């Protein structure tokens, strides 16, 4: 069996998770595990985009790890109305998340790649 290898120039990662690294977005272990995964991929040299329901008070997009990790805080305009955390108003956020992220990823990440 031939082993496959990936080049940092050929592969980028897009991670979608309701939870994320912000205290606002952290409700359990899932957010922490995906946050750690995104950081590890970036540390290994892969460009990584991490989309999550973010704190409405923080920047919508934040770049880390020498530009290899891009945090995309999504649904911030809805989160403004639901200050108790990621799952407060979750159905409104989920609807926006499902409708807006695919288009954004295709137009701004997939096509340019």
PDB file of N, CA and C in Angstrom:
ATOM      1  N   UNK A   1       0.842  -1.170   0.000  1.00  0.00           N
ATOM      2  CA  UNK A   1       0.000   0.000   0.000  1.00  0.00           C
ATOM      3  C   UNK A   1       0.896   1.244   0.000  1.00  0.00           C
ATOM      4  N   UNK A   2       0.620   2.144  -0.920  1.00  0.00           N
ATOM      5  CA  UNK A   2       1.400   3.366  -1.040  1.00  0.00           C
ATOM      6  C   UNK A   2       0.921   4.396  -0.019  1.00  0.00           C
ATOM      7  N   UNK A   3       1.869   4.984   0.678  1.00  0.00           N
ATOM      8  CA  UNK A   3       1.545   5.989   1.681  1.00  0.00           C
ATOM      9  C   UNK A   3       1.353   7.353   1.009  1.00  0.00           C
ATOM     10  N   UNK A   4       0.260   8.035   1.350  1.00  0.00           N
ATOM     11  CA  UNK A   4      -0.007   9.361   0.795  1.00  0.00           C
ATOM     12  C   UNK A   4       0.620  10.415   1.695  1.00  0.00           C
ATOM     13  N   UNK A   5       1.167  11.432   1.073  1.00  0.00           N
ATOM     14  CA  UNK A   5       1.693  12.565   1.828  1.00  0.00           C
ATOM     15  C   UNK A   5       1.018  13.839   1.336  1.00  0.00           C
ATOM     16  N   UNK A   6       0.931  14.793   2.205  1.00  0.00           N
ATOM     17  CA  UNK A   6       0.307  16.065   1.890  1.00  0.00           C
ATOM     18  C   UNK A   6       1.338  17.166   1.990  1.00  0.00           C
ATOM     19  N   UNK A   7       1.291  18.075   1.056  1.00  0.00           N
ATOM     20  CA  UNK A   7       2.168  19.228   1.061  1.00  0.00           C
ATOM     21  C   UNK A   7       1.423  20.439   1.606  1.00  0.00           C
ATOM     22  N   UNK A   8       2.122  21.281   2.328  1.00  0.00           N
ATOM     23  CA  UNK A   8       1.524  22.510   2.848  1.00  0.00           C
ATOM     24  C   UNK A   8       1.033  23.414   1.722  1.00  0.00           C
ATOM     25  N   UNK A   9       1.601  23.247   0.533  1.00  0.00           N
ATOM     26  CA  UNK A   9       1.200  24.063  -0.610  1.00  0.00           C
ATOM     27  C   UNK A   9      -0.029  23.509  -1.319  1.00  0.00           C
ATOM     28  N   UNK A  10      -0.361  22.249  -1.079  1.00  0.00           N
ATOM     29  CA  UNK A  10      -1.448  21.588  -1.794  1.00  0.00           C
ATOM     30  C   UNK A  10      -2.731  21.424  -0.985  1.00  0.00           C
ATOM     31  N   UNK A  11      -2.654  21.589   0.320  1.00  0.00           N
ATOM     32  CA  UNK A  11      -3.793  21.281   1.179  1.00  0.00           C
ATOM     33  C   UNK A  11      -4.061  22.450   2.129  1.00  0.00           C
ATOM     34  N   UNK A  12      -5.329  22.778   2.283  1.00  0.00           N
ATOM     35  CA  UNK A  12      -5.740  23.675   3.357  1.00  0.00           C
ATOM     36  C   UNK A  12      -6.952  23.055   4.019  1.00  0.00           C
ATOM     37  N   UNK A  13      -7.186  23.431   5.244  1.00  0.00           N
ATOM     38  CA  UNK A  13      -8.269  22.848   6.019  1.00  0.00           C
ATOM     39  C   UNK A  13      -9.317  23.908   6.352  1.00  0.00           C
ATOM     40  N   UNK A  14     -10.580  23.489   6.314  1.00  0.00           N
ATOM     41  CA  UNK A  14     -11.698  24.325   6.739  1.00  0.00           C
ATOM     42  C   UNK A  14     -12.449  23.517   7.793  1.00  0.00           C
ATOM     43  N   UNK A  15     -12.481  24.038   9.000  1.00  0.00           N
ATOM     44  CA  UNK A  15     -13.158  23.376  10.111  1.00  0.00           C
ATOM     45  C   UNK A  15     -14.409  24.167  10.465  1.00  0.00           C
ATOM     46  N   UNK A  16     -15.519  23.478  10.605  1.00  0.00           N
ATOM     47  CA  UNK A  16     -16.790  24.088  10.988  1.00  0.00           C
ATOM     48  C   UNK A  16     -17.250  23.467  12.295  1.00  0.00           C
ATOM     49  N   UNK A  17     -17.495  24.306  13.265  1.00  0.00           N
ATOM     50  CA  UNK A  17     -17.943  23.801  14.566  1.00  0.00           C
ATOM     51  C   UNK A  17     -18.769  24.888  15.232  1.00  0.00           C
ATOM     52  N   UNK A  18     -19.867  24.542  15.839  1.00  0.00           N
ATOM     53  CA  UNK A  18     -20.678  25.533  16.534  1.00  0.00           C
ATOM     54  C   UNK A  18     -19.868  26.144  17.676  1.00  0.00           C
ATOM     55  N   UNK A  19     -19.149  25.314  18.407  1.00  0.00           N
ATOM     56  CA  UNK A  19     -18.339  25.783  19.530  1.00  0.00           C
ATOM     57  C   UNK A  19     -16.958  26.196  19.046  1.00  0.00           C
ATOM     58  N   UNK A  20     -16.287  27.011  19.853  1.00  0.00           N
ATOM     59  CA  UNK A  20     -14.967  27.483  19.481  1.00  0.00           C
ATOM     60  C   UNK A  20     -14.139  27.882  20.683  1.00  0.00           C
ATOM     61  N   UNK A  21     -13.040  28.606  20.452  1.00  0.00           N
ATOM     62  CA  UNK A  21     -12.097  28.922  21.519  1.00  0.00           C
ATOM     63  C   UNK A  21     -12.517  30.066  22.445  1.00  0.00           C
ATOM     64  N   UNK A  22     -13.472  30.905  22.044  1.00  0.00           N
ATOM     65  CA  UNK A  22     -13.911  32.005  22.906  1.00  0.00           C
ATOM     66  C   UNK A  22     -14.674  31.446  24.106  1.00  0.00           C
ATOM     67  N   UNK A  23     -14.531  32.061  25.290  1.00  0.00           N
ATOM     68  CA  UNK A  23     -15.364  31.621  26.425  1.00  0.00           C
ATOM     69  C   UNK A  23     -16.860  31.645  26.081  1.00  0.00           C
ATOM     70  N   UNK A  24     -17.291  32.606  25.258  1.00  0.00           N
ATOM     71  CA  UNK A  24     -18.687  32.672  24.809  1.00  0.00           C
ATOM     72  C   UNK A  24     -19.064  31.413  24.032  1.00  0.00           C
ATOM     73  N   UNK A  25     -18.118  30.866  23.290  1.00  0.00           N
ATOM     74  CA  UNK A  25     -18.362  29.744  22.382  1.00  0.00           C
ATOM     75  C   UNK A  25     -18.077  28.383  22.999  1.00  0.00           C
ATOM     76  N   UNK A  26     -17.571  28.374  24.192  1.00  0.00           N
ATOM     77  CA  UNK A  26     -17.177  27.121  24.829  1.00  0.00           C
ATOM     78  C   UNK A  26     -18.290  26.629  25.748  1.00  0.00           C
ATOM     79  N   UNK A  27     -18.853  25.471  25.406  1.00  0.00           N
ATOM     80  CA  UNK A  27     -19.931  24.913  26.221  1.00  0.00           C
ATOM     81  C   UNK A  27     -19.606  23.503  26.689  1.00  0.00           C
ATOM     82  N   UNK A  28     -18.584  22.931  26.146  1.00  0.00           N
ATOM     83  CA  UNK A  28     -18.207  21.564  26.486  1.00  0.00           C
ATOM     84  C   UNK A  28     -16.864  21.255  25.874  1.00  0.00           C
ATOM     85  N   UNK A  29     -16.570  19.999  25.746  1.00  0.00           N
ATOM     86  CA  UNK A  29     -15.268  19.589  25.241  1.00  0.00           C
ATOM     87  C   UNK A  29     -15.078  19.729  23.748  1.00  0.00           C
ATOM     88  N   UNK A  30     -16.162  19.781  22.982  1.00  0.00           N
ATOM     89  CA  UNK A  30     -16.051  19.828  21.530  1.00  0.00           C
ATOM     90  C   UNK A  30     -15.288  21.060  21.061  1.00  0.00           C
ATOM     91  N   UNK A  31     -15.638  22.222  21.573  1.00  0.00           N
ATOM     92  CA  UNK A  31     -14.963  23.451  21.177  1.00  0.00           C
ATOM     93  C   UNK A  31     -13.475  23.399  21.454  1.00  0.00           C
ATOM     94  N   UNK A  32     -13.089  22.860  22.591  1.00  0.00           N
ATOM     95  CA  UNK A  32     -11.678  22.764  22.943  1.00  0.00           C
ATOM     96  C   UNK A  32     -10.955  21.783  22.027  1.00  0.00           C
ATOM     97  N   UNK A  33     -11.564  20.652  21.709  1.00  0.00           N
ATOM     98  CA  UNK A  33     -10.917  19.667  20.840  1.00  0.00           C
ATOM     99  C   UNK A  33     -10.708  20.223  19.429  1.00  0.00           C
ATOM    100  N   UNK A  34     -11.711  20.893  18.877  1.00  0.00           N
ATOM    101  CA  UNK A  34     -11.574  21.441  17.535  1.00  0.00           C
ATOM    102  C   UNK A  34     -10.600  22.623  17.547  1.00  0.00           C
ATOM    103  N   UNK A  35     -10.600  23.410  18.598  1.00  0.00           N
ATOM    104  CA  UNK A  35      -9.628  24.501  18.724  1.00  0.00           C
ATOM    105  C   UNK A  35      -8.206  23.954  18.739  1.00  0.00           C
ATOM    106  N   UNK A  36      -7.992  22.892  19.501  1.00  0.00           N
ATOM    107  CA  UNK A  36      -6.666  22.265  19.548  1.00  0.00           C
ATOM    108  C   UNK A  36      -6.279  21.684  18.189  1.00  0.00           C
ATOM    109  N   UNK A  37      -7.237  21.066  17.505  1.00  0.00           N
ATOM    110  CA  UNK A  37      -6.975  20.532  16.164  1.00  0.00           C
ATOM    111  C   UNK A  37      -6.562  21.647  15.219  1.00  0.00           C
ATOM    112  N   UNK A  38      -7.282  22.767  15.241  1.00  0.00           N
ATOM    113  CA  UNK A  38      -6.966  23.878  14.338  1.00  0.00           C
ATOM    114  C   UNK A  38      -5.569  24.427  14.617  1.00  0.00           C
ATOM    115  N   UNK A  39      -5.211  24.549  15.869  1.00  0.00           N
ATOM    116  CA  UNK A  39      -3.882  25.053  16.228  1.00  0.00           C
ATOM    117  C   UNK A  39      -2.788  24.076  15.807  1.00  0.00           C
ATOM    118  N   UNK A  40      -3.033  22.794  15.986  1.00  0.00           N
ATOM    119  CA  UNK A  40      -2.046  21.782  15.602  1.00  0.00           C
ATOM    120  C   UNK A  40      -1.832  21.773  14.090  1.00  0.00           C
ATOM    121  N   UNK A  41      -2.906  21.832  13.321  1.00  0.00           N
ATOM    122  CA  UNK A  41      -2.769  21.873  11.859  1.00  0.00           C
ATOM    123  C   UNK A  41      -1.961  23.093  11.425  1.00  0.00           C
ATOM    124  N   UNK A  42      -2.242  24.241  12.035  1.00  0.00           N
ATOM    125  CA  UNK A  42      -1.500  25.459  11.701  1.00  0.00           C
ATOM    126  C   UNK A  42      -0.027  25.336  12.105  1.00  0.00           C
ATOM    127  N   UNK A  43       0.236  24.755  13.252  1.00  0.00           N
ATOM    128  CA  UNK A  43       1.618  24.566  13.702  1.00  0.00           C
ATOM    129  C   UNK A  43       2.378  23.609  12.794  1.00  0.00           C
ATOM    130  N   UNK A  44       1.664  22.684  12.173  1.00  0.00           N
ATOM    131  CA  UNK A  44       2.287  21.759  11.218  1.00  0.00           C
ATOM    132  C   UNK A  44       2.507  22.412   9.856  1.00  0.00           C
ATOM    133  N   UNK A  45       2.038  23.659   9.713  1.00  0.00           N
ATOM    134  CA  UNK A  45       2.284  24.409   8.490  1.00  0.00           C
ATOM    135  C   UNK A  45       1.116  24.503   7.529  1.00  0.00           C
ATOM    136  N   UNK A  46      -0.035  23.944   7.896  1.00  0.00           N
ATOM    137  CA  UNK A  46      -1.202  23.976   7.016  1.00  0.00           C
ATOM    138  C   UNK A  46      -2.038  25.222   7.262  1.00  0.00           C
ATOM    139  N   UNK A  47      -2.482  25.875   6.173  1.00  0.00           N
ATOM    140  CA  UNK A  47      -3.428  26.966   6.333  1.00  0.00           C
ATOM    141  C   UNK A  47      -4.743  26.359   6.802  1.00  0.00           C
ATOM    142  N   UNK A  48      -5.292  26.926   7.865  1.00  0.00           N
ATOM    143  CA  UNK A  48      -6.485  26.375   8.487  1.00  0.00           C
ATOM    144  C   UNK A  48      -7.482  27.491   8.771  1.00  0.00           C
ATOM    145  N   UNK A  49      -8.701  27.308   8.295  1.00  0.00           N
ATOM    146  CA  UNK A  49      -9.798  28.233   8.563  1.00  0.00           C
ATOM    147  C   UNK A  49     -10.736  27.547   9.551  1.00  0.00           C
ATOM    148  N   UNK A  50     -11.011  28.213  10.654  1.00  0.00           N
ATOM    149  CA  UNK A  50     -11.872  27.651  11.694  1.00  0.00           C
ATOM    150  C   UNK A  50     -13.081  28.568  11.871  1.00  0.00           C
ATOM    151  N   UNK A  51     -14.267  28.054  11.501  1.00  0.00           N
ATOM    152  CA  UNK A  51     -15.527  28.774  11.619  1.00  0.00           C
ATOM    153  C   UNK A  51     -16.269  28.290  12.861  1.00  0.00           C
ATOM    154  N   UNK A  52     -16.732  29.230  13.680  1.00  0.00           N
ATOM    155  CA  UNK A  52     -17.485  28.874  14.880  1.00  0.00           C
ATOM    156  C   UNK A  52     -18.385  30.053  15.249  1.00  0.00           C
ATOM    157  N   UNK A  53     -19.368  29.805  16.100  1.00  0.00           N
ATOM    158  CA  UNK A  53     -20.256  30.870  16.571  1.00  0.00           C
ATOM    159  C   UNK A  53     -19.467  31.679  17.591  1.00  0.00           C
ATOM    160  N   UNK A  54     -19.195  32.930  17.241  1.00  0.00           N
ATOM    161  CA  UNK A  54     -18.256  33.702  18.045  1.00  0.00           C
ATOM    162  C   UNK A  54     -18.848  34.774  18.918  1.00  0.00           C
ATOM    163  N   UNK A  55     -18.022  35.213  19.817  1.00  0.00           N
ATOM    164  CA  UNK A  55     -18.338  36.306  20.716  1.00  0.00           C
ATOM    165  C   UNK A  55     -18.597  37.567  19.882  1.00  0.00           C
ATOM    166  N   UNK A  56     -19.747  38.213  20.077  1.00  0.00           N
ATOM    167  CA  UNK A  56     -20.055  39.391  19.266  1.00  0.00           C
ATOM    168  C   UNK A  56     -19.157  40.589  19.566  1.00  0.00           C
ATOM    169  N   UNK A  57     -18.420  40.552  20.639  1.00  0.00           N
ATOM    170  CA  UNK A  57     -17.563  41.676  21.036  1.00  0.00           C
ATOM    171  C   UNK A  57     -16.140  41.570  20.483  1.00  0.00           C
ATOM    172  N   UNK A  58     -15.800  40.442  19.878  1.00  0.00           N
ATOM    173  CA  UNK A  58     -14.446  40.252  19.356  1.00  0.00           C
ATOM    174  C   UNK A  58     -14.425  40.426  17.840  1.00  0.00           C
ATOM    175  N   UNK A  59     -13.226  40.513  17.277  1.00  0.00           N
ATOM    176  CA  UNK A  59     -13.091  40.672  15.826  1.00  0.00           C
ATOM    177  C   UNK A  59     -13.744  39.499  15.107  1.00  0.00           C
ATOM    178  N   UNK A  60     -14.401  39.783  13.995  1.00  0.00           N
ATOM    179  CA  UNK A  60     -15.055  38.739  13.214  1.00  0.00           C
ATOM    180  C   UNK A  60     -14.070  37.774  12.591  1.00  0.00           C
ATOM    181  N   UNK A  61     -12.906  38.280  12.248  1.00  0.00           N
ATOM    182  CA  UNK A  61     -11.862  37.431  11.677  1.00  0.00           C
ATOM    183  C   UNK A  61     -10.559  37.764  12.375  1.00  0.00           C
ATOM    184  N   UNK A  62      -9.872  36.738  12.797  1.00  0.00           N
ATOM    185  CA  UNK A  62      -8.611  36.918  13.516  1.00  0.00           C
ATOM    186  C   UNK A  62      -7.587  35.926  12.974  1.00  0.00           C
ATOM    187  N   UNK A  63      -6.401  36.415  12.696  1.00  0.00           N
ATOM    188  CA  UNK A  63      -5.337  35.578  12.156  1.00  0.00           C
ATOM    189  C   UNK A  63      -4.315  35.277  13.249  1.00  0.00           C
ATOM    190  N   UNK A  64      -3.902  34.016  13.317  1.00  0.00           N
ATOM    191  CA  UNK A  64      -2.946  33.567  14.329  1.00  0.00           C
ATOM    192  C   UNK A  64      -1.913  32.646  13.672  1.00  0.00           C
ATOM    193  N   UNK A  65      -0.953  32.220  14.436  1.00  0.00           N
ATOM    194  CA  UNK A  65       0.063  31.253  14.006  1.00  0.00           C
ATOM    195  C   UNK A  65       0.705  31.672  12.679  1.00  0.00           C
ATOM    196  N   UNK A  66       1.248  32.879  12.672  1.00  0.00           N
ATOM    197  CA  UNK A  66       1.939  33.405  11.487  1.00  0.00           C
ATOM    198  C   UNK A  66       1.061  33.384  10.235  1.00  0.00           C
ATOM    199  N   UNK A  67      -0.232  33.630  10.415  1.00  0.00           N
ATOM    200  CA  UNK A  67      -1.158  33.711   9.293  1.00  0.00           C
ATOM    201  C   UNK A  67      -1.711  32.381   8.819  1.00  0.00           C
ATOM    202  N   UNK A  68      -1.310  31.292   9.445  1.00  0.00           N
ATOM    203  CA  UNK A  68      -1.785  29.976   8.996  1.00  0.00           C
ATOM    204  C   UNK A  68      -3.124  29.586   9.616  1.00  0.00           C
ATOM    205  N   UNK A  69      -3.492  30.198  10.734  1.00  0.00           N
ATOM    206  CA  UNK A  69      -4.775  29.902  11.375  1.00  0.00           C
ATOM    207  C   UNK A  69      -5.645  31.151  11.305  1.00  0.00           C
ATOM    208  N   UNK A  70      -6.788  31.007  10.658  1.00  0.00           N
ATOM    209  CA  UNK A  70      -7.731  32.112  10.547  1.00  0.00           C
ATOM    210  C   UNK A  70      -9.008  31.714  11.274  1.00  0.00           C
ATOM    211  N   UNK A  71      -9.315  32.447  12.340  1.00  0.00           N
ATOM    212  CA  UNK A  71     -10.546  32.228  13.087  1.00  0.00           C
ATOM    213  C   UNK A  71     -11.641  33.072  12.450  1.00  0.00           C
ATOM    214  N   UNK A  72     -12.775  32.450  12.185  1.00  0.00           N
ATOM    215  CA  UNK A  72     -13.930  33.148  11.621  1.00  0.00           C
ATOM    216  C   UNK A  72     -15.055  33.064  12.654  1.00  0.00           C
ATOM    217  N   UNK A  73     -15.284  34.165  13.345  1.00  0.00           N
ATOM    218  CA  UNK A  73     -16.378  34.206  14.323  1.00  0.00           C
ATOM    219  C   UNK A  73     -17.667  34.501  13.557  1.00  0.00           C
ATOM    220  N   UNK A  74     -18.530  33.502  13.529  1.00  0.00           N
ATOM    221  CA  UNK A  74     -19.740  33.578  12.713  1.00  0.00           C
ATOM    222  C   UNK A  74     -20.938  33.894  13.587  1.00  0.00           C
ATOM    223  N   UNK A  75     -22.004  34.351  12.968  1.00  0.00           N
ATOM    224  CA  UNK A  75     -23.288  34.627  13.635  1.00  0.00           C
ATOM    225  C   UNK A  75     -23.179  35.714  14.703  1.00  0.00           C
ATOM    226  N   UNK A  76     -22.180  36.560  14.616  1.00  0.00           N
ATOM    227  CA  UNK A  76     -22.000  37.571  15.653  1.00  0.00           C
ATOM    228  C   UNK A  76     -23.181  38.530  15.743  1.00  0.00           C
ATOM    229  N   UNK A  77     -23.775  38.830  14.629  1.00  0.00           N
ATOM    230  CA  UNK A  77     -24.914  39.750  14.656  1.00  0.00           C
ATOM    231  C   UNK A  77     -26.090  39.138  15.404  1.00  0.00           C
ATOM    232  N   UNK A  78     -26.206  37.823  15.375  1.00  0.00           N
ATOM    233  CA  UNK A  78     -27.270  37.139  16.123  1.00  0.00           C
ATOM    234  C   UNK A  78     -26.859  36.986  17.583  1.00  0.00           C
ATOM    235  N   UNK A  79     -25.594  36.664  17.799  1.00  0.00           N
ATOM    236  CA  UNK A  79     -25.095  36.492  19.170  1.00  0.00           C
ATOM    237  C   UNK A  79     -25.271  37.753  19.999  1.00  0.00           C
ATOM    238  N   UNK A  80     -25.287  38.898  19.344  1.00  0.00           N
ATOM    239  CA  UNK A  80     -25.522  40.181  20.028  1.00  0.00           C
ATOM    240  C   UNK A  80     -26.860  40.155  20.781  1.00  0.00           C
ATOM    241  N   UNK A  81     -27.846  39.445  20.221  1.00  0.00           N
ATOM    242  CA  UNK A  81     -29.169  39.350  20.843  1.00  0.00           C
ATOM    243  C   UNK A  81     -29.261  38.229  21.873  1.00  0.00           C
ATOM    244  N   UNK A  82     -28.273  37.361  21.901  1.00  0.00           N
ATOM    245  CA  UNK A  82     -28.269  36.207  22.805  1.00  0.00           C
ATOM    246  C   UNK A  82     -26.940  36.173  23.564  1.00  0.00           C
ATOM    247  N   UNK A  83     -26.799  36.979  24.599  1.00  0.00           N
ATOM    248  CA  UNK A  83     -25.513  37.139  25.276  1.00  0.00           C
ATOM    249  C   UNK A  83     -25.106  35.996  26.213  1.00  0.00           C
ATOM    250  N   UNK A  84     -25.971  35.004  26.421  1.00  0.00           N
ATOM    251  CA  UNK A  84     -25.674  33.965  27.408  1.00  0.00           C
ATOM    252  C   UNK A  84     -24.743  32.867  26.910  1.00  0.00           C
ATOM    253  N   UNK A  85     -24.383  32.880  25.642  1.00  0.00           N
ATOM    254  CA  UNK A  85     -23.449  31.866  25.158  1.00  0.00           C
ATOM    255  C   UNK A  85     -23.870  31.251  23.844  1.00  0.00           C
ATOM    256  N   UNK A  86     -23.048  30.337  23.384  1.00  0.00           N
ATOM    257  CA  UNK A  86     -23.175  29.763  22.048  1.00  0.00           C
ATOM    258  C   UNK A  86     -24.531  29.106  21.790  1.00  0.00           C
ATOM    259  N   UNK A  87     -25.114  28.452  22.786  1.00  0.00           N
ATOM    260  CA  UNK A  87     -26.367  27.744  22.560  1.00  0.00           C
ATOM    261  C   UNK A  87     -27.608  28.564  22.925  1.00  0.00           C
ATOM    262  N   UNK A  88     -27.415  29.774  23.386  1.00  0.00           N
ATOM    263  CA  UNK A  88     -28.536  30.685  23.631  1.00  0.00           C
ATOM    264  C   UNK A  88     -28.979  31.208  22.260  1.00  0.00           C
ATOM    265  N   UNK A  89     -30.202  30.914  21.866  1.00  0.00           N
ATOM    266  CA  UNK A  89     -30.696  31.275  20.538  1.00  0.00           C
ATOM    267  C   UNK A  89     -30.123  30.383  19.451  1.00  0.00           C
ATOM    268  N   UNK A  90     -29.848  29.142  19.806  1.00  0.00           N
ATOM    269  CA  UNK A  90     -29.128  28.245  18.884  1.00  0.00           C
ATOM    270  C   UNK A  90     -29.850  27.999  17.564  1.00  0.00           C
ATOM    271  N   UNK A  91     -31.177  27.983  17.532  1.00  0.00           N
ATOM    272  CA  UNK A  91     -31.873  27.709  16.275  1.00  0.00           C
ATOM    273  C   UNK A  91     -31.694  28.859  15.279  1.00  0.00           C
ATOM    274  N   UNK A  92     -31.711  30.077  15.771  1.00  0.00           N
ATOM    275  CA  UNK A  92     -31.448  31.221  14.895  1.00  0.00           C
ATOM    276  C   UNK A  92     -30.020  31.178  14.372  1.00  0.00           C
ATOM    277  N   UNK A  93     -29.089  30.868  15.255  1.00  0.00           N
ATOM    278  CA  UNK A  93     -27.679  30.800  14.865  1.00  0.00           C
ATOM    279  C   UNK A  93     -27.444  29.647  13.899  1.00  0.00           C
ATOM    280  N   UNK A  94     -28.049  28.504  14.183  1.00  0.00           N
ATOM    281  CA  UNK A  94     -27.872  27.339  13.317  1.00  0.00           C
ATOM    282  C   UNK A  94     -28.381  27.612  11.911  1.00  0.00           C
ATOM    283  N   UNK A  95     -29.518  28.263  11.797  1.00  0.00           N
ATOM    284  CA  UNK A  95     -30.066  28.606  10.489  1.00  0.00           C
ATOM    285  C   UNK A  95     -29.093  29.509   9.721  1.00  0.00           C
ATOM    286  N   UNK A  96     -28.589  30.541  10.356  1.00  0.00           N
ATOM    287  CA  UNK A  96     -27.630  31.444   9.717  1.00  0.00           C
ATOM    288  C   UNK A  96     -26.337  30.710   9.363  1.00  0.00           C
ATOM    289  N   UNK A  97     -25.843  29.904  10.273  1.00  0.00           N
ATOM    290  CA  UNK A  97     -24.617  29.122  10.078  1.00  0.00           C
ATOM    291  C   UNK A  97     -24.747  28.235   8.829  1.00  0.00           C
ATOM    292  N   UNK A  98     -25.863  27.515   8.738  1.00  0.00           N
ATOM    293  CA  UNK A  98     -26.084  26.584   7.623  1.00  0.00           C
ATOM    294  C   UNK A  98     -26.270  27.278   6.278  1.00  0.00           C
ATOM    295  N   UNK A  99     -26.847  28.452   6.292  1.00  0.00           N
ATOM    296  CA  UNK A  99     -27.114  29.163   5.040  1.00  0.00           C
ATOM    297  C   UNK A  99     -25.915  29.965   4.554  1.00  0.00           C
ATOM    298  N   UNK A 100     -25.229  30.638   5.454  1.00  0.00           N
ATOM    299  CA  UNK A 100     -24.206  31.592   5.025  1.00  0.00           C
ATOM    300  C   UNK A 100     -22.797  31.018   4.886  1.00  0.00           C
ATOM    301  N   UNK A 101     -22.429  30.047   5.673  1.00  0.00           N
ATOM    302  CA  UNK A 101     -21.049  29.546   5.607  1.00  0.00           C
ATOM    303  C   UNK A 101     -20.734  28.827   4.293  1.00  0.00           C
ATOM    304  N   UNK A 102     -21.578  27.942   3.770  1.00  0.00           N
ATOM    305  CA  UNK A 102     -21.194  27.259   2.518  1.00  0.00           C
ATOM    306  C   UNK A 102     -20.862  28.235   1.392  1.00  0.00           C
ATOM    307  N   UNK A 103     -21.689  29.248   1.202  1.00  0.00           N
ATOM    308  CA  UNK A 103     -21.433  30.234   0.160  1.00  0.00           C
ATOM    309  C   UNK A 103     -20.092  30.934   0.411  1.00  0.00           C
ATOM    310  N   UNK A 104     -19.871  31.378   1.639  1.00  0.00           N
ATOM    311  CA  UNK A 104     -18.643  32.093   1.970  1.00  0.00           C
ATOM    312  C   UNK A 104     -17.408  31.227   1.720  1.00  0.00           C
ATOM    313  N   UNK A 105     -17.466  29.975   2.152  1.00  0.00           N
ATOM    314  CA  UNK A 105     -16.323  29.070   1.980  1.00  0.00           C
ATOM    315  C   UNK A 105     -16.030  28.845   0.494  1.00  0.00           C
ATOM    316  N   UNK A 106     -17.050  28.591  -0.281  1.00  0.00           N
ATOM    317  CA  UNK A 106     -16.847  28.362  -1.727  1.00  0.00           C
ATOM    318  C   UNK A 106     -16.253  29.591  -2.390  1.00  0.00           C
ATOM    319  N   UNK A 107     -16.845  30.752  -2.158  1.00  0.00           N
ATOM    320  CA  UNK A 107     -16.413  31.974  -2.845  1.00  0.00           C
ATOM    321  C   UNK A 107     -15.064  32.499  -2.371  1.00  0.00           C
ATOM    322  N   UNK A 108     -14.785  32.384  -1.077  1.00  0.00           N
ATOM    323  CA  UNK A 108     -13.606  33.035  -0.512  1.00  0.00           C
ATOM    324  C   UNK A 108     -12.438  32.118  -0.175  1.00  0.00           C
ATOM    325  N   UNK A 109     -12.690  30.810  -0.155  1.00  0.00           N
ATOM    326  CA  UNK A 109     -11.604  29.877   0.183  1.00  0.00           C
ATOM    327  C   UNK A 109     -11.396  28.845  -0.924  1.00  0.00           C
ATOM    328  N   UNK A 110     -12.460  28.150  -1.312  1.00  0.00           N
ATOM    329  CA  UNK A 110     -12.330  27.076  -2.296  1.00  0.00           C
ATOM    330  C   UNK A 110     -11.944  27.598  -3.675  1.00  0.00           C
ATOM    331  N   UNK A 111     -12.704  28.553  -4.203  1.00  0.00           N
ATOM    332  CA  UNK A 111     -12.398  29.068  -5.538  1.00  0.00           C
ATOM    333  C   UNK A 111     -10.992  29.662  -5.641  1.00  0.00           C
ATOM    334  N   UNK A 112     -10.560  30.511  -4.698  1.00  0.00           N
ATOM    335  CA  UNK A 112      -9.192  31.037  -4.790  1.00  0.00           C
ATOM    336  C   UNK A 112      -8.116  29.953  -4.683  1.00  0.00           C
ATOM    337  N   UNK A 113      -8.434  28.872  -3.977  1.00  0.00           N
ATOM    338  CA  UNK A 113      -7.436  27.792  -3.816  1.00  0.00           C
ATOM    339  C   UNK A 113      -7.268  27.035  -5.109  1.00  0.00           C
TER     340      UNK A 113
END
